[in-house]
Amino acid sequence: MERFYHTLNIAIDAVLANKFRSILTALGIIFGVGAVIAMMAIGNGARQEILEQIKMVGVNNVLITPILDNSAAEGDEGEDENRW
């Protein structure tokens, strides 16, 4: 336990000896964590907004219809060969 207090004392002395460096390090950590939290909040907010817009459209309002190519369906492929 005495070794722990000795190590803690050395750490406190180092922080007090380099106050400006310690303040800059603390500010870097604070701004870094704040930036990560802000980006997570922005991402979650955008996700919720998109989901709300999709809910407003509704699942039953989306229609999917196939588009058939008339020339392929009628067998006009042979006419293309005769053109050349």
PDB file of N, CA and C in Angstrom:
ATOM      1  N   MET A   1       0.820  -1.185   0.000  1.00  0.00           N
ATOM      2  CA  MET A   1       0.000   0.000   0.000  1.00  0.00           C
ATOM      3  C   MET A   1       0.868   1.254   0.000  1.00  0.00           C
ATOM      4  N   GLU A   2       1.996   1.164   0.647  1.00  0.00           N
ATOM      5  CA  GLU A   2       2.910   2.300   0.703  1.00  0.00           C
ATOM      6  C   GLU A   2       3.439   2.642  -0.692  1.00  0.00           C
ATOM      7  N   ARG A   3       3.642   1.596  -1.503  1.00  0.00           N
ATOM      8  CA  ARG A   3       4.112   1.815  -2.870  1.00  0.00           C
ATOM      9  C   ARG A   3       3.054   2.563  -3.685  1.00  0.00           C
ATOM     10  N   PHE A   4       1.778   2.245  -3.461  1.00  0.00           N
ATOM     11  CA  PHE A   4       0.687   2.927  -4.155  1.00  0.00           C
ATOM     12  C   PHE A   4       0.686   4.418  -3.821  1.00  0.00           C
ATOM     13  N   TYR A   5       0.826   4.760  -2.535  1.00  0.00           N
ATOM     14  CA  TYR A   5       0.844   6.171  -2.133  1.00  0.00           C
ATOM     15  C   TYR A   5       2.060   6.897  -2.705  1.00  0.00           C
ATOM     16  N   HIS A   6       3.177   6.204  -2.774  1.00  0.00           N
ATOM     17  CA  HIS A   6       4.385   6.799  -3.344  1.00  0.00           C
ATOM     18  C   HIS A   6       4.175   7.092  -4.836  1.00  0.00           C
ATOM     19  N   THR A   7       3.600   6.127  -5.554  1.00  0.00           N
ATOM     20  CA  THR A   7       3.318   6.324  -6.982  1.00  0.00           C
ATOM     21  C   THR A   7       2.307   7.447  -7.190  1.00  0.00           C
ATOM     22  N   LEU A   8       1.284   7.515  -6.355  1.00  0.00           N
ATOM     23  CA  LEU A   8       0.287   8.573  -6.437  1.00  0.00           C
ATOM     24  C   LEU A   8       0.924   9.935  -6.163  1.00  0.00           C
ATOM     25  N   ASN A   9       1.808  10.006  -5.221  1.00  0.00           N
ATOM     26  CA  ASN A   9       2.505  11.247  -4.897  1.00  0.00           C
ATOM     27  C   ASN A   9       3.359  11.712  -6.081  1.00  0.00           C
ATOM     28  N   ILE A  10       4.050  10.783  -6.738  1.00  0.00           N
ATOM     29  CA  ILE A  10       4.862  11.134  -7.909  1.00  0.00           C
ATOM     30  C   ILE A  10       3.969  11.654  -9.031  1.00  0.00           C
ATOM     31  N   ALA A  11       2.800  11.016  -9.228  1.00  0.00           N
ATOM     32  CA  ALA A  11       1.877  11.438 -10.281  1.00  0.00           C
ATOM     33  C   ALA A  11       1.343  12.844 -10.008  1.00  0.00           C
ATOM     34  N   ILE A  12       0.976  13.119  -8.781  1.00  0.00           N
ATOM     35  CA  ILE A  12       0.466  14.451  -8.424  1.00  0.00           C
ATOM     36  C   ILE A  12       1.554  15.500  -8.600  1.00  0.00           C
ATOM     37  N   ASP A  13       2.783  15.183  -8.194  1.00  0.00           N
ATOM     38  CA  ASP A  13       3.896  16.117  -8.384  1.00  0.00           C
ATOM     39  C   ASP A  13       4.135  16.404  -9.868  1.00  0.00           C
ATOM     40  N   ALA A  14       4.010  15.375 -10.723  1.00  0.00           N
ATOM     41  CA  ALA A  14       4.224  15.564 -12.160  1.00  0.00           C
ATOM     42  C   ALA A  14       3.130  16.439 -12.753  1.00  0.00           C
ATOM     43  N   VAL A  15       1.897  16.252 -12.314  1.00  0.00           N
ATOM     44  CA  VAL A  15       0.791  17.068 -12.819  1.00  0.00           C
ATOM     45  C   VAL A  15       0.977  18.520 -12.387  1.00  0.00           C
ATOM     46  N   LEU A  16       1.347  18.746 -11.150  1.00  0.00           N
ATOM     47  CA  LEU A  16       1.535  20.102 -10.656  1.00  0.00           C
ATOM     48  C   LEU A  16       2.763  20.775 -11.286  1.00  0.00           C
ATOM     49  N   ALA A  17       3.765  19.998 -11.627  1.00  0.00           N
ATOM     50  CA  ALA A  17       4.961  20.570 -12.237  1.00  0.00           C
ATOM     51  C   ALA A  17       4.690  20.990 -13.685  1.00  0.00           C
ATOM     52  N   ASN A  18       3.772  20.309 -14.348  1.00  0.00           N
ATOM     53  CA  ASN A  18       3.444  20.607 -15.747  1.00  0.00           C
ATOM     54  C   ASN A  18       1.970  20.989 -15.850  1.00  0.00           C
ATOM     55  N   LYS A  19       1.608  22.112 -15.255  1.00  0.00           N
ATOM     56  CA  LYS A  19       0.202  22.520 -15.196  1.00  0.00           C
ATOM     57  C   LYS A  19      -0.375  22.784 -16.586  1.00  0.00           C
ATOM     58  N   PHE A  20       0.373  23.488 -17.412  1.00  0.00           N
ATOM     59  CA  PHE A  20      -0.140  23.840 -18.740  1.00  0.00           C
ATOM     60  C   PHE A  20      -0.357  22.590 -19.588  1.00  0.00           C
ATOM     61  N   ARG A  21       0.588  21.675 -19.546  1.00  0.00           N
ATOM     62  CA  ARG A  21       0.460  20.422 -20.286  1.00  0.00           C
ATOM     63  C   ARG A  21      -0.718  19.607 -19.762  1.00  0.00           C
ATOM     64  N   SER A  22      -0.910  19.607 -18.454  1.00  0.00           N
ATOM     65  CA  SER A  22      -2.018  18.870 -17.855  1.00  0.00           C
ATOM     66  C   SER A  22      -3.368  19.466 -18.264  1.00  0.00           C
ATOM     67  N   ILE A  23      -3.441  20.797 -18.289  1.00  0.00           N
ATOM     68  CA  ILE A  23      -4.687  21.463 -18.692  1.00  0.00           C
ATOM     69  C   ILE A  23      -4.991  21.160 -20.156  1.00  0.00           C
ATOM     70  N   LEU A  24      -3.974  21.229 -21.017  1.00  0.00           N
ATOM     71  CA  LEU A  24      -4.187  20.929 -22.432  1.00  0.00           C
ATOM     72  C   LEU A  24      -4.623  19.472 -22.641  1.00  0.00           C
ATOM     73  N   THR A  25      -4.039  18.564 -21.899  1.00  0.00           N
ATOM     74  CA  THR A  25      -4.424  17.158 -21.998  1.00  0.00           C
ATOM     75  C   THR A  25      -5.865  16.958 -21.557  1.00  0.00           C
ATOM     76  N   ALA A  26      -6.235  17.589 -20.452  1.00  0.00           N
ATOM     77  CA  ALA A  26      -7.614  17.470 -19.968  1.00  0.00           C
ATOM     78  C   ALA A  26      -8.599  18.066 -20.975  1.00  0.00           C
ATOM     79  N   LEU A  27      -8.254  19.217 -21.561  1.00  0.00           N
ATOM     80  CA  LEU A  27      -9.126  19.822 -22.573  1.00  0.00           C
ATOM     81  C   LEU A  27      -9.266  18.919 -23.805  1.00  0.00           C
ATOM     82  N   GLY A  28      -8.176  18.299 -24.210  1.00  0.00           N
ATOM     83  CA  GLY A  28      -8.237  17.376 -25.343  1.00  0.00           C
ATOM     84  C   GLY A  28      -9.153  16.208 -25.079  1.00  0.00           C
ATOM     85  N   ILE A  29      -9.079  15.662 -23.893  1.00  0.00           N
ATOM     86  CA  ILE A  29      -9.951  14.541 -23.525  1.00  0.00           C
ATOM     87  C   ILE A  29     -11.404  14.995 -23.473  1.00  0.00           C
ATOM     88  N   ILE A  30     -11.644  16.154 -22.883  1.00  0.00           N
ATOM     89  CA  ILE A  30     -13.021  16.667 -22.754  1.00  0.00           C
ATOM     90  C   ILE A  30     -13.628  16.927 -24.133  1.00  0.00           C
ATOM     91  N   PHE A  31     -12.885  17.616 -25.008  1.00  0.00           N
ATOM     92  CA  PHE A  31     -13.414  17.905 -26.348  1.00  0.00           C
ATOM     93  C   PHE A  31     -13.570  16.632 -27.171  1.00  0.00           C
ATOM     94  N   GLY A  32     -12.674  15.689 -27.013  1.00  0.00           N
ATOM     95  CA  GLY A  32     -12.780  14.427 -27.753  1.00  0.00           C
ATOM     96  C   GLY A  32     -14.016  13.642 -27.363  1.00  0.00           C
ATOM     97  N   VAL A  33     -14.239  13.511 -26.066  1.00  0.00           N
ATOM     98  CA  VAL A  33     -15.428  12.797 -25.596  1.00  0.00           C
ATOM     99  C   VAL A  33     -16.690  13.544 -26.003  1.00  0.00           C
ATOM    100  N   GLY A  34     -16.662  14.869 -25.913  1.00  0.00           N
ATOM    101  CA  GLY A  34     -17.822  15.666 -26.320  1.00  0.00           C
ATOM    102  C   GLY A  34     -18.132  15.504 -27.805  1.00  0.00           C
ATOM    103  N   ALA A  35     -17.092  15.450 -28.635  1.00  0.00           N
ATOM    104  CA  ALA A  35     -17.301  15.280 -30.074  1.00  0.00           C
ATOM    105  C   ALA A  35     -17.904  13.916 -30.388  1.00  0.00           C
ATOM    106  N   VAL A  36     -17.441  12.887 -29.710  1.00  0.00           N
ATOM    107  CA  VAL A  36     -18.000  11.549 -29.938  1.00  0.00           C
ATOM    108  C   VAL A  36     -19.457  11.500 -29.510  1.00  0.00           C
ATOM    109  N   ILE A  37     -19.772  12.074 -28.379  1.00  0.00           N
ATOM    110  CA  ILE A  37     -21.162  12.082 -27.902  1.00  0.00           C
ATOM    111  C   ILE A  37     -22.044  12.878 -28.858  1.00  0.00           C
ATOM    112  N   ALA A  38     -21.553  14.017 -29.343  1.00  0.00           N
ATOM    113  CA  ALA A  38     -22.333  14.832 -30.283  1.00  0.00           C
ATOM    114  C   ALA A  38     -22.589  14.082 -31.584  1.00  0.00           C
ATOM    115  N   MET A  39     -21.585  13.401 -32.113  1.00  0.00           N
ATOM    116  CA  MET A  39     -21.769  12.652 -33.353  1.00  0.00           C
ATOM    117  C   MET A  39     -22.750  11.496 -33.161  1.00  0.00           C
ATOM    118  N   MET A  40     -22.706  10.845 -32.023  1.00  0.00           N
ATOM    119  CA  MET A  40     -23.671   9.770 -31.748  1.00  0.00           C
ATOM    120  C   MET A  40     -25.081  10.335 -31.664  1.00  0.00           C
ATOM    121  N   ALA A  41     -25.245  11.482 -31.036  1.00  0.00           N
ATOM    122  CA  ALA A  41     -26.567  12.097 -30.911  1.00  0.00           C
ATOM    123  C   ALA A  41     -27.097  12.529 -32.275  1.00  0.00           C
ATOM    124  N   ILE A  42     -26.237  13.104 -33.106  1.00  0.00           N
ATOM    125  CA  ILE A  42     -26.656  13.517 -34.445  1.00  0.00           C
ATOM    126  C   ILE A  42     -27.068  12.300 -35.268  1.00  0.00           C
ATOM    127  N   GLY A  43     -26.297  11.237 -35.196  1.00  0.00           N
ATOM    128  CA  GLY A  43     -26.624  10.013 -35.937  1.00  0.00           C
ATOM    129  C   GLY A  43     -27.942   9.406 -35.492  1.00  0.00           C
ATOM    130  N   ASN A  44     -28.162   9.344 -34.187  1.00  0.00           N
ATOM    131  CA  ASN A  44     -29.417   8.788 -33.677  1.00  0.00           C
ATOM    132  C   ASN A  44     -30.598   9.675 -34.030  1.00  0.00           C
ATOM    133  N   GLY A  45     -30.418  10.985 -33.986  1.00  0.00           N
ATOM    134  CA  GLY A  45     -31.495  11.903 -34.354  1.00  0.00           C
ATOM    135  C   GLY A  45     -31.863  11.773 -35.823  1.00  0.00           C
ATOM    136  N   ALA A  46     -30.858  11.662 -36.686  1.00  0.00           N
ATOM    137  CA  ALA A  46     -31.126  11.494 -38.114  1.00  0.00           C
ATOM    138  C   ALA A  46     -31.824  10.175 -38.378  1.00  0.00           C
ATOM    139  N   ARG A  47     -31.417   9.135 -37.681  1.00  0.00           N
ATOM    140  CA  ARG A  47     -32.053   7.813 -37.837  1.00  0.00           C
ATOM    141  C   ARG A  47     -33.524   7.871 -37.439  1.00  0.00           C
ATOM    142  N   GLN A  48     -33.816   8.506 -36.314  1.00  0.00           N
ATOM    143  CA  GLN A  48     -35.197   8.629 -35.868  1.00  0.00           C
ATOM    144  C   GLN A  48     -36.028   9.452 -36.840  1.00  0.00           C
ATOM    145  N   GLU A  49     -35.451  10.515 -37.395  1.00  0.00           N
ATOM    146  CA  GLU A  49     -36.173  11.351 -38.349  1.00  0.00           C
ATOM    147  C   GLU A  49     -36.514  10.571 -39.611  1.00  0.00           C
ATOM    148  N   ILE A  50     -35.572   9.792 -40.102  1.00  0.00           N
ATOM    149  CA  ILE A  50     -35.819   8.996 -41.304  1.00  0.00           C
ATOM    150  C   ILE A  50     -36.891   7.948 -41.037  1.00  0.00           C
ATOM    151  N   LEU A  51     -36.834   7.284 -39.884  1.00  0.00           N
ATOM    152  CA  LEU A  51     -37.847   6.290 -39.553  1.00  0.00           C
ATOM    153  C   LEU A  51     -39.233   6.909 -39.428  1.00  0.00           C
ATOM    154  N   GLU A  52     -39.314   8.111 -38.880  1.00  0.00           N
ATOM    155  CA  GLU A  52     -40.608   8.793 -38.781  1.00  0.00           C
ATOM    156  C   GLU A  52     -41.151   9.146 -40.157  1.00  0.00           C
ATOM    157  N   GLN A  53     -40.284   9.571 -41.074  1.00  0.00           N
ATOM    158  CA  GLN A  53     -40.734   9.886 -42.431  1.00  0.00           C
ATOM    159  C   GLN A  53     -41.208   8.635 -43.159  1.00  0.00           C
ATOM    160  N   ILE A  54     -40.533   7.519 -42.931  1.00  0.00           N
ATOM    161  CA  ILE A  54     -40.963   6.265 -43.548  1.00  0.00           C
ATOM    162  C   ILE A  54     -42.314   5.832 -42.980  1.00  0.00           C
ATOM    163  N   LYS A  55     -42.515   6.025 -41.689  1.00  0.00           N
ATOM    164  CA  LYS A  55     -43.808   5.687 -41.088  1.00  0.00           C
ATOM    165  C   LYS A  55     -44.926   6.554 -41.645  1.00  0.00           C
ATOM    166  N   MET A  56     -44.636   7.832 -41.963  1.00  0.00           N
ATOM    167  CA  MET A  56     -45.657   8.713 -42.514  1.00  0.00           C
ATOM    168  C   MET A  56     -46.072   8.252 -43.912  1.00  0.00           C
ATOM    169  N   VAL A  57     -45.146   7.727 -44.690  1.00  0.00           N
ATOM    170  CA  VAL A  57     -45.481   7.201 -46.011  1.00  0.00           C
ATOM    171  C   VAL A  57     -46.354   5.965 -45.853  1.00  0.00           C
ATOM    172  N   GLY A  58     -46.017   5.122 -44.936  1.00  0.00           N
ATOM    173  CA  GLY A  58     -46.796   3.924 -44.664  1.00  0.00           C
ATOM    174  C   GLY A  58     -46.366   2.759 -45.530  1.00  0.00           C
ATOM    175  N   VAL A  59     -46.500   1.579 -44.983  1.00  0.00           N
ATOM    176  CA  VAL A  59     -46.098   0.375 -45.700  1.00  0.00           C
ATOM    177  C   VAL A  59     -47.120   0.055 -46.785  1.00  0.00           C
ATOM    178  N   ASN A  60     -48.396   0.318 -46.540  1.00  0.00           N
ATOM    179  CA  ASN A  60     -49.446  -0.041 -47.482  1.00  0.00           C
ATOM    180  C   ASN A  60     -49.498   0.897 -48.686  1.00  0.00           C
ATOM    181  N   ASN A  61     -48.798   1.978 -48.669  1.00  0.00           N
ATOM    182  CA  ASN A  61     -48.843   2.948 -49.760  1.00  0.00           C
ATOM    183  C   ASN A  61     -47.793   2.700 -50.832  1.00  0.00           C
ATOM    184  N   VAL A  62     -46.918   1.750 -50.623  1.00  0.00           N
ATOM    185  CA  VAL A  62     -45.865   1.470 -51.588  1.00  0.00           C
ATOM    186  C   VAL A  62     -46.346   0.361 -52.516  1.00  0.00           C
ATOM    187  N   LEU A  63     -46.368   0.640 -53.817  1.00  0.00           N
ATOM    188  CA  LEU A  63     -46.793  -0.337 -54.814  1.00  0.00           C
ATOM    189  C   LEU A  63     -45.614  -0.683 -55.701  1.00  0.00           C
ATOM    190  N   ILE A  64     -45.435  -1.948 -55.940  1.00  0.00           N
ATOM    191  CA  ILE A  64     -44.361  -2.408 -56.811  1.00  0.00           C
ATOM    192  C   ILE A  64     -45.015  -3.124 -57.983  1.00  0.00           C
ATOM    193  N   THR A  65     -44.788  -2.621 -59.187  1.00  0.00           N
ATOM    194  CA  THR A  65     -45.374  -3.243 -60.376  1.00  0.00           C
ATOM    195  C   THR A  65     -44.253  -3.583 -61.339  1.00  0.00           C
ATOM    196  N   PRO A  66     -44.322  -4.768 -61.953  1.00  0.00           N
ATOM    197  CA  PRO A  66     -43.276  -5.142 -62.913  1.00  0.00           C
ATOM    198  C   PRO A  66     -43.493  -4.434 -64.240  1.00  0.00           C
ATOM    199  N   ILE A  67     -42.429  -4.104 -64.906  1.00  0.00           N
ATOM    200  CA  ILE A  67     -42.482  -3.500 -66.230  1.00  0.00           C
ATOM    201  C   ILE A  67     -41.928  -4.527 -67.211  1.00  0.00           C
ATOM    202  N   LEU A  68     -42.781  -4.942 -68.130  1.00  0.00           N
ATOM    203  CA  LEU A  68     -42.371  -5.943 -69.112  1.00  0.00           C
ATOM    204  C   LEU A  68     -41.908  -5.259 -70.378  1.00  0.00           C
ATOM    205  N   ASP A  69     -40.855  -5.792 -70.951  1.00  0.00           N
ATOM    206  CA  ASP A  69     -40.355  -5.297 -72.226  1.00  0.00           C
ATOM    207  C   ASP A  69     -41.212  -5.914 -73.321  1.00  0.00           C
ATOM    208  N   ASN A  70     -41.957  -5.091 -74.073  1.00  0.00           N
ATOM    209  CA  ASN A  70     -42.899  -5.592 -75.072  1.00  0.00           C
ATOM    210  C   ASN A  70     -42.214  -6.352 -76.194  1.00  0.00           C
ATOM    211  N   SER A  71     -41.068  -5.905 -76.642  1.00  0.00           N
ATOM    212  CA  SER A  71     -40.398  -6.579 -77.757  1.00  0.00           C
ATOM    213  C   SER A  71     -39.934  -7.972 -77.353  1.00  0.00           C
ATOM    214  N   ALA A  72     -39.472  -8.155 -76.135  1.00  0.00           N
ATOM    215  CA  ALA A  72     -39.027  -9.470 -75.675  1.00  0.00           C
ATOM    216  C   ALA A  72     -40.222 -10.369 -75.416  1.00  0.00           C
ATOM    217  N   ALA A  73     -41.336  -9.802 -74.961  1.00  0.00           N
ATOM    218  CA  ALA A  73     -42.508 -10.601 -74.661  1.00  0.00           C
ATOM    219  C   ALA A  73     -43.201 -11.086 -75.928  1.00  0.00           C
ATOM    220  N   GLU A  74     -43.153 -10.340 -77.033  1.00  0.00           N
ATOM    221  CA  GLU A  74     -43.840 -10.698 -78.266  1.00  0.00           C
ATOM    222  C   GLU A  74     -42.967 -11.528 -79.199  1.00  0.00           C
ATOM    223  N   GLY A  75     -41.714 -11.699 -78.901  1.00  0.00           N
ATOM    224  CA  GLY A  75     -40.848 -12.499 -79.752  1.00  0.00           C
ATOM    225  C   GLY A  75     -40.301 -11.728 -80.925  1.00  0.00           C
ATOM    226  N   ASP A  76     -40.022 -10.449 -80.785  1.00  0.00           N
ATOM    227  CA  ASP A  76     -39.489  -9.615 -81.863  1.00  0.00           C
ATOM    228  C   ASP A  76     -37.977  -9.731 -81.992  1.00  0.00           C
ATOM    229  N   GLU A  77     -37.392 -10.671 -81.340  1.00  0.00           N
ATOM    230  CA  GLU A  77     -35.939 -10.787 -81.380  1.00  0.00           C
ATOM    231  C   GLU A  77     -35.441 -11.137 -82.772  1.00  0.00           C
ATOM    232  N   GLY A  78     -36.213 -11.865 -83.540  1.00  0.00           N
ATOM    233  CA  GLY A  78     -35.802 -12.251 -84.878  1.00  0.00           C
ATOM    234  C   GLY A  78     -35.742 -11.065 -85.821  1.00  0.00           C
ATOM    235  N   GLU A  79     -36.536 -10.040 -85.615  1.00  0.00           N
ATOM    236  CA  GLU A  79     -36.536  -8.862 -86.481  1.00  0.00           C
ATOM    237  C   GLU A  79     -35.211  -8.094 -86.398  1.00  0.00           C
ATOM    238  N   ASP A  80     -34.592  -8.121 -85.209  1.00  0.00           N
ATOM    239  CA  ASP A  80     -33.319  -7.425 -85.041  1.00  0.00           C
ATOM    240  C   ASP A  80     -32.245  -8.057 -85.925  1.00  0.00           C
ATOM    241  N   GLU A  81     -32.294  -9.353 -86.109  1.00  0.00           N
ATOM    242  CA  GLU A  81     -31.293 -10.019 -86.929  1.00  0.00           C
ATOM    243  C   GLU A  81     -31.481  -9.695 -88.404  1.00  0.00           C
ATOM    244  N   ASN A  82     -32.705  -9.482 -88.844  1.00  0.00           N
ATOM    245  CA  ASN A  82     -32.971  -9.197 -90.251  1.00  0.00           C
ATOM    246  C   ASN A  82     -32.599  -7.772 -90.643  1.00  0.00           C
ATOM    247  N   ARG A  83     -32.477  -6.875 -89.723  1.00  0.00           N
ATOM    248  CA  ARG A  83     -32.132  -5.491 -90.031  1.00  0.00           C
ATOM    249  C   ARG A  83     -30.711  -5.371 -90.543  1.00  0.00           C
ATOM    250  N   TRP A  84     -29.824  -6.159 -90.105  1.00  0.00           N
ATOM    251  CA  TRP A  84     -28.426  -6.028 -90.447  1.00  0.00           C
ATOM    252  C   TRP A  84     -28.195  -6.795 -91.689  1.00  0.00           C
TER     253      TRP A  84
END
